[in-house]
C-alpha atoms as a PDB file:
ATOM      1  CA  MET A   1     141.376 115.669  99.461  1.00  0.00           C
ATOM      2  CA  SER A   2     138.840 118.372  98.120  1.00  0.00           C
ATOM      3  CA  MET A   3     135.970 119.091  99.685  1.00  0.00           C
ATOM      4  CA  GLU A   4     134.117 120.391  96.839  1.00  0.00           C
ATOM      5  CA  SER A   5     130.874 119.449  95.585  1.00  0.00           C
ATOM      6  CA  PRO A   6     130.391 117.380  92.096  1.00  0.00           C
ATOM      7  CA  ASN A   7     129.384 119.517  89.590  1.00  0.00           C
ATOM      8  CA  PHE A   8     125.864 118.431  89.317  1.00  0.00           C
ATOM      9  CA  PRO A   9     122.648 120.623  88.739  1.00  0.00           C
ATOM     10  CA  ILE A  10     121.436 121.891  92.035  1.00  0.00           C
ATOM     11  CA  ASP A  11     118.086 120.083  91.723  1.00  0.00           C
ATOM     12  CA  VAL A  12     119.829 116.798  91.182  1.00  0.00           C
ATOM     13  CA  THR A  13     122.047 117.373  94.370  1.00  0.00           C
ATOM     14  CA  PHE A  14     118.945 118.556  96.422  1.00  0.00           C
ATOM     15  CA  ASP A  15     117.404 115.393  95.393  1.00  0.00           C
ATOM     16  CA  ILE A  16     120.112 112.887  96.311  1.00  0.00           C
ATOM     17  CA  LEU A  17     121.228 114.590  99.794  1.00  0.00           C
ATOM     18  CA  SER A  18     117.150 114.843 100.674  1.00  0.00           C
ATOM     19  CA  ARG A  19     117.455 111.086 100.500  1.00  0.00           C
ATOM     20  CA  LEU A  20     120.435 110.205 102.626  1.00  0.00           C
ATOM     21  CA  PRO A  21     119.659 109.493 106.468  1.00  0.00           C
ATOM     22  CA  THR A  22     119.296 112.382 108.569  1.00  0.00           C
ATOM     23  CA  LYS A  23     122.448 112.010 110.934  1.00  0.00           C
ATOM     24  CA  THR A  24     124.475 111.698 107.740  1.00  0.00           C
ATOM     25  CA  LEU A  25     123.417 115.124 106.885  1.00  0.00           C
ATOM     26  CA  ILE A  26     124.176 116.758 110.089  1.00  0.00           C
ATOM     27  CA  GLN A  27     127.786 115.473 109.925  1.00  0.00           C
ATOM     28  CA  PHE A  28     127.794 116.880 106.362  1.00  0.00           C
ATOM     29  CA  ARG A  29     127.728 120.340 107.755  1.00  0.00           C
ATOM     30  CA  LEU A  30     131.039 119.857 108.743  1.00  0.00           C
ATOM     31  CA  ALA A  31     132.658 119.232 105.228  1.00  0.00           C
ATOM     32  CA  SER A  32     132.390 122.680 104.143  1.00  0.00           C
ATOM     33  CA  LYS A  33     130.596 126.224 103.962  1.00  0.00           C
ATOM     34  CA  PRO A  34     128.793 125.387 101.034  1.00  0.00           C
ATOM     35  CA  TRP A  35     127.495 122.084 102.436  1.00  0.00           C
ATOM     36  CA  LEU A  36     126.470 123.736 105.643  1.00  0.00           C
ATOM     37  CA  SER A  37     124.484 126.461 103.590  1.00  0.00           C
ATOM     38  CA  LEU A  38     122.681 123.961 101.720  1.00  0.00           C
ATOM     39  CA  ILE A  39     121.589 121.564 104.084  1.00  0.00           C
ATOM     40  CA  GLN A  40     120.571 124.534 106.615  1.00  0.00           C
ATOM     41  CA  SER A  41     118.759 126.241 104.071  1.00  0.00           C
ATOM     42  CA  PRO A  42     114.787 126.118 104.495  1.00  0.00           C
ATOM     43  CA  HIS A  43     114.216 125.130 100.918  1.00  0.00           C
ATOM     44  CA  PHE A  44     116.473 121.835 101.338  1.00  0.00           C
ATOM     45  CA  ILE A  45     114.810 121.043 104.890  1.00  0.00           C
ATOM     46  CA  ARG A  46     110.914 121.317 103.738  1.00  0.00           C
ATOM     47  CA  LEU A  47     112.486 119.126 100.437  1.00  0.00           C
ATOM     48  CA  LYS A  48     113.742 116.624 103.195  1.00  0.00           C
ATOM     49  CA  SER A  49     110.326 116.316 105.024  1.00  0.00           C
ATOM     50  CA  ILE A  50     108.927 115.014 102.034  1.00  0.00           C
ATOM     51  CA  ALA A  51     111.402 113.158  99.857  1.00  0.00           C
ATOM     52  CA  LYS A  52     111.195 109.435 100.275  1.00  0.00           C
ATOM     53  CA  PRO A  53     114.501 108.192 101.841  1.00  0.00           C
ATOM     54  CA  ILE A  54     117.097 105.664 100.044  1.00  0.00           C
ATOM     55  CA  THR A  55     116.946 103.290 103.278  1.00  0.00           C
ATOM     56  CA  GLU A  56     113.501 102.651 105.063  1.00  0.00           C
ATOM     57  CA  ASP A  57     114.138 103.076 108.631  1.00  0.00           C
ATOM     58  CA  ASN A  58     111.077 101.403 110.541  1.00  0.00           C
ATOM     59  CA  PHE A  59     111.495 103.340 114.073  1.00  0.00           C
ATOM     60  CA  VAL A  60     109.515 103.791 117.114  1.00  0.00           C
ATOM     61  CA  LEU A  61     109.766 106.391 120.379  1.00  0.00           C
ATOM     62  CA  VAL A  62     108.741 104.714 123.607  1.00  0.00           C
ATOM     63  CA  TYR A  63     107.972 107.070 126.383  1.00  0.00           C
ATOM     64  CA  TYR A  64     107.674 105.986 129.665  1.00  0.00           C
ATOM     65  CA  GLU A  65     108.402 107.241 133.480  1.00  0.00           C
ATOM     66  CA  SER A  66     110.062 105.124 136.496  1.00  0.00           C
ATOM     67  CA  ALA A  67     107.746 103.250 138.729  1.00  0.00           C
ATOM     68  CA  ASP A  68     108.526 105.611 141.803  1.00  0.00           C
ATOM     69  CA  TYR A  69     107.612 108.631 139.450  1.00  0.00           C
ATOM     70  CA  THR A  70     110.648 110.457 139.691  1.00  0.00           C
ATOM     71  CA  LYS A  71     112.009 109.857 136.246  1.00  0.00           C
ATOM     72  CA  GLN A  72     110.806 110.371 132.752  1.00  0.00           C
ATOM     73  CA  TYR A  73     112.575 108.154 129.952  1.00  0.00           C
ATOM     74  CA  TYR A  74     112.505 107.949 126.003  1.00  0.00           C
ATOM     75  CA  SER A  75     113.778 105.203 124.141  1.00  0.00           C
ATOM     76  CA  ILE A  76     114.300 105.192 120.234  1.00  0.00           C
ATOM     77  CA  CYS A  77     113.598 101.688 119.118  1.00  0.00           C
ATOM     78  CA  SER A  78     113.738  99.818 116.039  1.00  0.00           C
ATOM     79  CA  VAL A  79     111.497  96.760 114.731  1.00  0.00           C
ATOM     80  CA  ARG A  80     113.856  94.344 113.264  1.00  0.00           C
ATOM     81  CA  GLU A  81     112.836  92.385 110.169  1.00  0.00           C
ATOM     82  CA  GLY A  82     109.182  92.777 111.437  1.00  0.00           C
ATOM     83  CA  LYS A  83     109.685  90.507 114.310  1.00  0.00           C
ATOM     84  CA  THR A  84     111.114  92.225 117.844  1.00  0.00           C
ATOM     85  CA  LEU A  85     111.717  95.416 119.109  1.00  0.00           C
ATOM     86  CA  ILE A  86     115.252  96.270 119.890  1.00  0.00           C
ATOM     87  CA  GLU A  87     116.010  99.268 121.996  1.00  0.00           C
ATOM     88  CA  HIS A  88     118.946 101.326 120.482  1.00  0.00           C
ATOM     89  CA  LYS A  89     119.290 104.384 122.962  1.00  0.00           C
ATOM     90  CA  LYS A  90     117.476 105.280 126.394  1.00  0.00           C
ATOM     91  CA  PHE A  91     117.556 108.712 127.485  1.00  0.00           C
ATOM     92  CA  GLU A  92     116.319 110.453 130.489  1.00  0.00           C
ATOM     93  CA  PHE A  93     113.450 113.010 128.903  1.00  0.00           C
ATOM     94  CA  PRO A  94     114.864 116.588 128.332  1.00  0.00           C
ATOM     95  CA  PHE A  95     111.562 118.261 129.170  1.00  0.00           C
ATOM     96  CA  LYS A  96     110.441 118.896 132.930  1.00  0.00           C
ATOM     97  CA  SER A  97     106.622 119.589 133.469  1.00  0.00           C
ATOM     98  CA  LEU A  98     105.767 123.014 134.748  1.00  0.00           C
ATOM     99  CA  TYR A  99     101.934 121.832 134.833  1.00  0.00           C
ATOM    100  CA  GLY A 100     101.783 118.394 135.937  1.00  0.00           C
ATOM    101  CA  TYR A 101     102.483 115.727 133.018  1.00  0.00           C
ATOM    102  CA  VAL A 102     104.440 116.041 129.882  1.00  0.00           C
ATOM    103  CA  ARG A 103     102.600 113.570 127.205  1.00  0.00           C
ATOM    104  CA  ILE A 104     103.458 112.435 123.945  1.00  0.00           C
ATOM    105  CA  VAL A 105     100.735 113.550 121.383  1.00  0.00           C
ATOM    106  CA  GLY A 106     102.473 112.524 118.174  1.00  0.00           C
ATOM    107  CA  SER A 107     104.874 111.952 115.390  1.00  0.00           C
ATOM    108  CA  SER A 108     105.577 112.855 111.949  1.00  0.00           C
ATOM    109  CA  ASN A 109     108.042 113.825 109.507  1.00  0.00           C
ATOM    110  CA  GLY A 110     110.774 114.050 112.084  1.00  0.00           C
ATOM    111  CA  LEU A 111     109.128 116.218 114.809  1.00  0.00           C
ATOM    112  CA  VAL A 112     107.608 115.097 117.925  1.00  0.00           C
ATOM    113  CA  CYS A 113     104.646 117.067 119.883  1.00  0.00           C
ATOM    114  CA  LEU A 114     104.417 116.952 123.433  1.00  0.00           C
ATOM    115  CA  PHE A 115     101.948 118.504 125.764  1.00  0.00           C
ATOM    116  CA  ASP A 116     102.506 119.890 129.219  1.00  0.00           C
ATOM    117  CA  THR A 117      99.291 119.561 131.031  1.00  0.00           C
ATOM    118  CA  ASN A 118      97.266 118.331 134.722  1.00  0.00           C
ATOM    119  CA  PHE A 119      94.671 116.410 132.586  1.00  0.00           C
ATOM    120  CA  PHE A 120      92.010 118.893 134.715  1.00  0.00           C
ATOM    121  CA  SER A 121      91.989 122.007 132.564  1.00  0.00           C
ATOM    122  CA  TYR A 122      93.158 122.770 129.039  1.00  0.00           C
ATOM    123  CA  ILE A 123      96.027 125.136 130.471  1.00  0.00           C
ATOM    124  CA  GLY A 124      99.094 123.676 129.394  1.00  0.00           C
ATOM    125  CA  THR A 125     102.250 124.361 126.922  1.00  0.00           C
ATOM    126  CA  LEU A 126     102.386 122.511 123.484  1.00  0.00           C
ATOM    127  CA  ILE A 127     106.011 121.663 122.152  1.00  0.00           C
ATOM    128  CA  LEU A 128     107.392 120.458 118.730  1.00  0.00           C
ATOM    129  CA  TRP A 129     110.477 118.583 119.179  1.00  0.00           C
ATOM    130  CA  ASN A 130     113.305 117.170 116.954  1.00  0.00           C
ATOM    131  CA  VAL A 131     114.815 114.608 118.666  1.00  0.00           C
ATOM    132  CA  ILE A 132     118.127 113.848 116.302  1.00  0.00           C
ATOM    133  CA  VAL A 133     118.629 117.741 115.465  1.00  0.00           C
ATOM    134  CA  GLY A 134     118.225 118.400 119.208  1.00  0.00           C
ATOM    135  CA  LYS A 135     116.082 121.538 118.866  1.00  0.00           C
ATOM    136  CA  PHE A 136     112.419 122.479 119.766  1.00  0.00           C
ATOM    137  CA  ILE A 137     109.926 125.438 119.843  1.00  0.00           C
ATOM    138  CA  VAL A 138     107.268 126.356 122.312  1.00  0.00           C
ATOM    139  CA  LEU A 139     103.796 126.860 120.367  1.00  0.00           C
ATOM    140  CA  PRO A 140     102.195 130.356 121.022  1.00  0.00           C
ATOM    141  CA  ASP A 141      99.063 129.888 123.677  1.00  0.00           C
ATOM    142  CA  SER A 142      95.670 129.087 121.843  1.00  0.00           C
ATOM    143  CA  HIS A 143      93.561 130.647 124.676  1.00  0.00           C
ATOM    144  CA  ALA A 144      95.843 133.926 124.274  1.00  0.00           C
ATOM    145  CA  THR A 145      94.011 134.853 121.092  1.00  0.00           C
ATOM    146  CA  HIS A 146      90.855 132.458 121.463  1.00  0.00           C
ATOM    147  CA  ARG A 147      88.399 132.431 124.146  1.00  0.00           C
ATOM    148  CA  PHE A 148      86.961 128.600 124.820  1.00  0.00           C
ATOM    149  CA  SER A 149      83.663 127.700 126.805  1.00  0.00           C
ATOM    150  CA  ASP A 150      83.445 128.008 130.336  1.00  0.00           C
ATOM    151  CA  THR A 151      82.758 124.396 130.962  1.00  0.00           C
ATOM    152  CA  PHE A 152      83.798 121.089 129.036  1.00  0.00           C
ATOM    153  CA  SER A 153      84.999 117.601 130.471  1.00  0.00           C
ATOM    154  CA  HIS A 154      87.886 116.660 128.040  1.00  0.00           C
ATOM    155  CA  MET A 155      90.672 117.986 125.827  1.00  0.00           C
ATOM    156  CA  VAL A 156      92.025 115.787 122.915  1.00  0.00           C
ATOM    157  CA  VAL A 157      95.297 117.157 120.899  1.00  0.00           C
ATOM    158  CA  GLY A 158      96.282 115.896 117.855  1.00  0.00           C
ATOM    159  CA  PHE A 159      99.456 116.277 115.553  1.00  0.00           C
ATOM    160  CA  GLY A 160     100.174 115.526 111.900  1.00  0.00           C
ATOM    161  CA  PHE A 161     101.946 116.959 108.652  1.00  0.00           C
ATOM    162  CA  VAL A 162      99.660 118.012 105.714  1.00  0.00           C
ATOM    163  CA  LEU A 163     101.612 117.103 102.877  1.00  0.00           C
ATOM    164  CA  GLY A 164      99.602 118.885 100.359  1.00  0.00           C
ATOM    165  CA  LYS A 165     100.271 121.974 102.369  1.00  0.00           C
ATOM    166  CA  ASN A 166     103.849 121.094 103.176  1.00  0.00           C
ATOM    167  CA  ASP A 167     102.750 122.205 106.921  1.00  0.00           C
ATOM    168  CA  PHE A 168     102.643 120.949 110.454  1.00  0.00           C
ATOM    169  CA  LYS A 169      99.176 121.171 112.389  1.00  0.00           C
ATOM    170  CA  VAL A 170      98.070 120.766 115.927  1.00  0.00           C
ATOM    171  CA  VAL A 171      94.551 120.275 116.881  1.00  0.00           C
ATOM    172  CA  GLN A 172      92.707 120.821 120.174  1.00  0.00           C
ATOM    173  CA  ILE A 173      89.446 119.518 120.610  1.00  0.00           C
ATOM    174  CA  LEU A 174      87.285 120.471 123.969  1.00  0.00           C
ATOM    175  CA  TYR A 175      84.462 118.041 124.436  1.00  0.00           C
ATOM    176  CA  ASP A 176      81.603 118.781 126.705  1.00  0.00           C
ATOM    177  CA  CYS A 177      80.214 114.971 127.668  1.00  0.00           C
ATOM    178  CA  TYR A 178      77.425 116.075 129.861  1.00  0.00           C
ATOM    179  CA  SER A 179      75.787 118.285 127.416  1.00  0.00           C
ATOM    180  CA  ASP A 180      74.925 118.303 123.216  1.00  0.00           C
ATOM    181  CA  ASP A 181      77.130 121.054 122.486  1.00  0.00           C
ATOM    182  CA  ILE A 182      79.107 121.082 119.419  1.00  0.00           C
ATOM    183  CA  PRO A 183      82.939 120.213 120.499  1.00  0.00           C
ATOM    184  CA  GLU A 184      85.076 123.413 119.741  1.00  0.00           C
ATOM    185  CA  VAL A 185      88.063 123.019 117.233  1.00  0.00           C
ATOM    186  CA  LEU A 186      91.373 124.769 117.222  1.00  0.00           C
ATOM    187  CA  VAL A 187      94.184 124.347 114.689  1.00  0.00           C
ATOM    188  CA  TYR A 188      97.644 125.459 114.615  1.00  0.00           C
ATOM    189  CA  SER A 189      99.703 126.268 111.493  1.00  0.00           C
ATOM    190  CA  MET A 190     103.632 125.551 112.054  1.00  0.00           C
ATOM    191  CA  GLU A 191     103.823 127.761 108.729  1.00  0.00           C
ATOM    192  CA  ALA A 192     101.530 130.849 109.635  1.00  0.00           C
ATOM    193  CA  ASP A 193     102.514 130.136 113.395  1.00  0.00           C
ATOM    194  CA  LEU A 194      99.219 131.020 114.507  1.00  0.00           C
ATOM    195  CA  TRP A 195      95.685 129.273 115.982  1.00  0.00           C
ATOM    196  CA  ARG A 196      92.570 129.731 114.537  1.00  0.00           C
ATOM    197  CA  LYS A 197      89.105 128.474 115.295  1.00  0.00           C
ATOM    198  CA  VAL A 198      87.079 126.511 112.749  1.00  0.00           C
ATOM    199  CA  ASP A 199      83.743 124.390 112.465  1.00  0.00           C
ATOM    200  CA  ALA A 200      84.539 120.614 112.031  1.00  0.00           C
ATOM    201  CA  VAL A 201      82.698 117.869 112.583  1.00  0.00           C
ATOM    202  CA  VAL A 202      84.835 115.593 115.024  1.00  0.00           C
ATOM    203  CA  PRO A 203      84.279 112.190 116.078  1.00  0.00           C
ATOM    204  CA  GLY A 204      83.009 111.331 119.722  1.00  0.00           C
ATOM    205  CA  PHE A 205      85.327 111.138 122.593  1.00  0.00           C
ATOM    206  CA  MET A 206      86.866 107.644 123.105  1.00  0.00           C
ATOM    207  CA  PRO A 207      86.550 106.454 127.113  1.00  0.00           C
ATOM    208  CA  ASN A 208      89.970 105.413 129.078  1.00  0.00           C
ATOM    209  CA  ARG A 209      89.678 101.709 128.257  1.00  0.00           C
ATOM    210  CA  TRP A 210      90.149 102.212 124.690  1.00  0.00           C
ATOM    211  CA  SER A 211      93.184 102.636 122.889  1.00  0.00           C
ATOM    212  CA  ILE A 212      93.596 103.441 118.973  1.00  0.00           C
ATOM    213  CA  SER A 213      96.909 103.178 117.174  1.00  0.00           C
ATOM    214  CA  ALA A 214      98.104 103.868 113.533  1.00  0.00           C
ATOM    215  CA  SER A 215     101.268 102.285 111.604  1.00  0.00           C
ATOM    216  CA  GLY A 216     101.368 103.487 107.761  1.00  0.00           C
ATOM    217  CA  ASP A 217      97.801 102.888 106.297  1.00  0.00           C
ATOM    218  CA  SER A 218      96.661 100.664 108.782  1.00  0.00           C
ATOM    219  CA  LEU A 219      94.275 101.864 111.834  1.00  0.00           C
ATOM    220  CA  SER A 220      94.075  99.564 114.854  1.00  0.00           C
ATOM    221  CA  LEU A 221      91.826  99.659 118.119  1.00  0.00           C
ATOM    222  CA  PHE A 222      92.037  97.911 121.071  1.00  0.00           C
ATOM    223  CA  PHE A 223      89.289  98.069 124.054  1.00  0.00           C
ATOM    224  CA  HIS A 224      88.433  96.188 127.180  1.00  0.00           C
ATOM    225  CA  ILE A 225      85.419  94.390 127.782  1.00  0.00           C
ATOM    226  CA  ASN A 226      84.525  91.744 130.170  1.00  0.00           C
ATOM    227  CA  ASN A 227      88.058  91.060 131.724  1.00  0.00           C
ATOM    228  CA  ARG A 228      89.492  90.863 128.185  1.00  0.00           C
ATOM    229  CA  TRP A 229      91.238  93.157 125.348  1.00  0.00           C
ATOM    230  CA  GLU A 230      89.814  92.788 121.958  1.00  0.00           C
ATOM    231  CA  ALA A 231      91.770  93.715 118.776  1.00  0.00           C
ATOM    232  CA  TRP A 232      89.937  95.370 115.995  1.00  0.00           C
ATOM    233  CA  SER A 233      91.450  96.684 112.464  1.00  0.00           C
ATOM    234  CA  MET A 234      89.788  98.825 109.691  1.00  0.00           C
ATOM    235  CA  LYS A 235      90.672  97.274 106.519  1.00  0.00           C
ATOM    236  CA  GLU A 236      90.032  99.974 104.267  1.00  0.00           C
ATOM    237  CA  TYR A 237      90.794 103.405 105.754  1.00  0.00           C
ATOM    238  CA  GLY A 238      88.260 105.782 106.241  1.00  0.00           C
ATOM    239  CA  VAL A 239      85.555 102.736 105.228  1.00  0.00           C
ATOM    240  CA  ALA A 240      83.149 101.984 108.803  1.00  0.00           C
ATOM    241  CA  GLU A 241      82.129  98.883 107.281  1.00  0.00           C
ATOM    242  CA  SER A 242      85.462  97.436 106.808  1.00  0.00           C
ATOM    243  CA  TRP A 243      86.154  97.031 110.612  1.00  0.00           C
ATOM    244  CA  MET A 244      87.155  93.858 111.365  1.00  0.00           C
ATOM    245  CA  LYS A 245      87.813  91.821 114.645  1.00  0.00           C
ATOM    246  CA  GLU A 246      91.434  90.323 114.882  1.00  0.00           C
ATOM    247  CA  PHE A 247      91.694  88.773 118.014  1.00  0.00           C
ATOM    248  CA  THR A 248      91.052  88.311 122.052  1.00  0.00           C
ATOM    249  CA  ILE A 249      93.437  88.381 124.793  1.00  0.00           C
ATOM    250  CA  ALA A 250      92.198  86.890 127.999  1.00  0.00           C
ATOM    251  CA  GLU A 251      95.254  87.712 130.260  1.00  0.00           C
ATOM    252  CA  THR A 252      94.546  89.533 133.049  1.00  0.00           C
ATOM    253  CA  GLN A 253      97.544  91.075 133.931  1.00  0.00           C
ATOM    254  CA  ILE A 254      97.560  93.365 130.792  1.00  0.00           C
ATOM    255  CA  SER A 255      97.617  97.063 131.762  1.00  0.00           C
ATOM    256  CA  MET A 256      96.980  97.985 128.303  1.00  0.00           C
ATOM    257  CA  PRO A 257      97.959  97.658 124.787  1.00  0.00           C
ATOM    258  CA  LEU A 258     100.241  99.578 122.704  1.00  0.00           C
ATOM    259  CA  ASN A 259     100.341  98.793 119.004  1.00  0.00           C
ATOM    260  CA  PHE A 260     100.746  96.242 116.403  1.00  0.00           C
ATOM    261  CA  MET A 261     104.213  94.837 115.007  1.00  0.00           C
ATOM    262  CA  ASP A 262     104.465  93.850 111.449  1.00  0.00           C
ATOM    263  CA  ASN A 263     104.443  90.231 112.312  1.00  0.00           C
ATOM    264  CA  GLY A 264     101.240  90.176 113.830  1.00  0.00           C
ATOM    265  CA  ASP A 265     102.316  90.424 117.196  1.00  0.00           C
ATOM    266  CA  VAL A 266     101.133  92.828 119.693  1.00  0.00           C
ATOM    267  CA  LEU A 267     103.068  95.150 122.081  1.00  0.00           C
ATOM    268  CA  LEU A 268     101.509  94.967 125.584  1.00  0.00           C
ATOM    269  CA  VAL A 269     102.066  97.055 128.957  1.00  0.00           C
ATOM    270  CA  MET A 270     101.775  94.673 131.777  1.00  0.00           C
ATOM    271  CA  GLU A 271     100.689  95.647 135.082  1.00  0.00           C
ATOM    272  CA  SER A 272     104.024  95.136 136.691  1.00  0.00           C
ATOM    273  CA  GLY A 273     105.286  97.491 133.905  1.00  0.00           C
ATOM    274  CA  LYS A 274     106.867  95.312 131.886  1.00  0.00           C
ATOM    275  CA  LEU A 275     106.558  95.812 128.102  1.00  0.00           C
ATOM    276  CA  VAL A 276     106.229  92.929 126.284  1.00  0.00           C
ATOM    277  CA  SER A 277     105.376  91.190 122.401  1.00  0.00           C
ATOM    278  CA  CYS A 278     102.334  88.692 122.297  1.00  0.00           C
ATOM    279  CA  ASP A 279     101.820  86.207 119.674  1.00  0.00           C
ATOM    280  CA  PRO A 280      98.056  86.203 119.393  1.00  0.00           C
ATOM    281  CA  GLU A 281      97.571  83.047 118.282  1.00  0.00           C
ATOM    282  CA  ASN A 282      98.892  81.084 121.157  1.00  0.00           C
ATOM    283  CA  GLN A 283      99.052  83.994 123.433  1.00  0.00           C
ATOM    284  CA  GLN A 284     102.877  83.413 124.176  1.00  0.00           C
ATOM    285  CA  MET A 285     104.571  86.927 125.247  1.00  0.00           C
ATOM    286  CA  LYS A 286     108.163  88.018 125.183  1.00  0.00           C
ATOM    287  CA  ASP A 287     109.623  90.411 127.636  1.00  0.00           C
ATOM    288  CA  LEU A 288     111.557  93.121 125.436  1.00  0.00           C
ATOM    289  CA  GLY A 289     113.548  94.432 128.485  1.00  0.00           C
ATOM    290  CA  ILE A 290     111.698  97.733 129.091  1.00  0.00           C
ATOM    291  CA  CYS A 291     109.930  98.322 132.365  1.00  0.00           C
ATOM    292  CA  GLY A 292     108.334 101.523 134.122  1.00  0.00           C
ATOM    293  CA  LEU A 293     104.996 102.751 135.709  1.00  0.00           C
ATOM    294  CA  PRO A 294     102.520 101.024 133.552  1.00  0.00           C
ATOM    295  CA  THR A 295     100.270 103.787 133.176  1.00  0.00           C
ATOM    296  CA  SER A 296     102.687 106.300 131.347  1.00  0.00           C
ATOM    297  CA  PHE A 297     103.564 104.223 128.614  1.00  0.00           C
ATOM    298  CA  CYS A 298     103.510 105.887 125.157  1.00  0.00           C
ATOM    299  CA  MET A 299     104.582 104.702 121.748  1.00  0.00           C
ATOM    300  CA  VAL A 300     104.801 106.458 118.503  1.00  0.00           C
ATOM    301  CA  SER A 301     106.256 105.461 114.908  1.00  0.00           C
ATOM    302  CA  TYR A 302     109.261 107.809 114.162  1.00  0.00           C
ATOM    303  CA  THR A 303     111.037 109.152 110.979  1.00  0.00           C
ATOM    304  CA  SER A 304     113.919 111.416 111.334  1.00  0.00           C
ATOM    305  CA  GLY A 305     114.226 114.893 109.643  1.00  0.00           C
ATOM    306  CA  LEU A 306     115.630 118.281 109.736  1.00  0.00           C
ATOM    307  CA  ILE A 307     112.613 120.481 110.546  1.00  0.00           C
ATOM    308  CA  LEU A 308     113.841 122.867 113.387  1.00  0.00           C
ATOM    309  CA  LEU A 309     117.569 122.673 111.999  1.00  0.00           C
ATOM    310  CA  ASP A 310     117.095 126.642 111.172  1.00  0.00           C
ATOM    311  CA  ARG A 311     115.285 127.835 114.023  1.00  0.00           C
ATOM    312  CA  GLY A 312     114.249 126.711 117.514  1.00  0.00           C
ATOM    313  CA  ASP A 313     116.229 126.211 120.893  1.00  0.00           C
ATOM    314  CA  LYS A 314     118.623 123.883 121.866  1.00  0.00           C
ATOM    315  CA  VAL A 315     117.529 121.540 124.118  1.00  0.00           C
ATOM    316  CA  LEU A 316     119.578 121.225 127.492  1.00  0.00           C
ATOM    317  CA  LYS A 317     121.158 117.999 128.407  1.00  0.00           C
END
């Protein structure tokens, strides 16, 4: 059988291939050298990162540690018909901490941002990792080129993709909750591969008993008050007046909420370490079969992509 490409215009071929699942494209690289060259080209990888897929994959990445602190895991899960969380694959986390704790900052367009730190200083390592491709890059040290103030109380790290600039960004914010000093902000550009200091108005620091999550265009806020968890959602993104209280969960054995599901259920981590889904109306809970250290759980939405296919280091298995 001939493996030659159909005689389509190159822009049509690019558009069709960019909408195929990432795993399919990785397999297509083995079909022929022309396919390999096309799929690994920087232009195609960028196009894939912004193209709308033919089929929408509704995946999440769940990270957690074993109860005895000895192992770290991540599970790739899907939300089937908006009703239940299905765990497809579970792996041991491939990165070992140098500073004390590796946590997931966020996920966007196929990349997962990780931060290895000890929580008590701004010293740490930032990593961008493509789970499907199995490659990663270590970001340059922001403190090698920019001096932060000597005193601070908290550091917040964020990650996202800027569609208009076709660029991944990492943001570091240093707060000093004990002074009126303006927080310091550094922004990393993957395209330029450098950090720059910016003047920006940033939100106030959120305490530990608050939890915020985003899914698509929806922003949700959970906070703990008087032995109960309240859930709020922003009905119109960016409009403070559109915040509305959704429900209250009075169960005392909840460690923390993780996120809403499409059917209105909320994912909760119990103090026992079990991950459950809860129907807010009748307060009924369903064990999802995932269990770990309660305080270690983190969940981010996940969409596969080809970023880092043409660069980066291989993850050792």
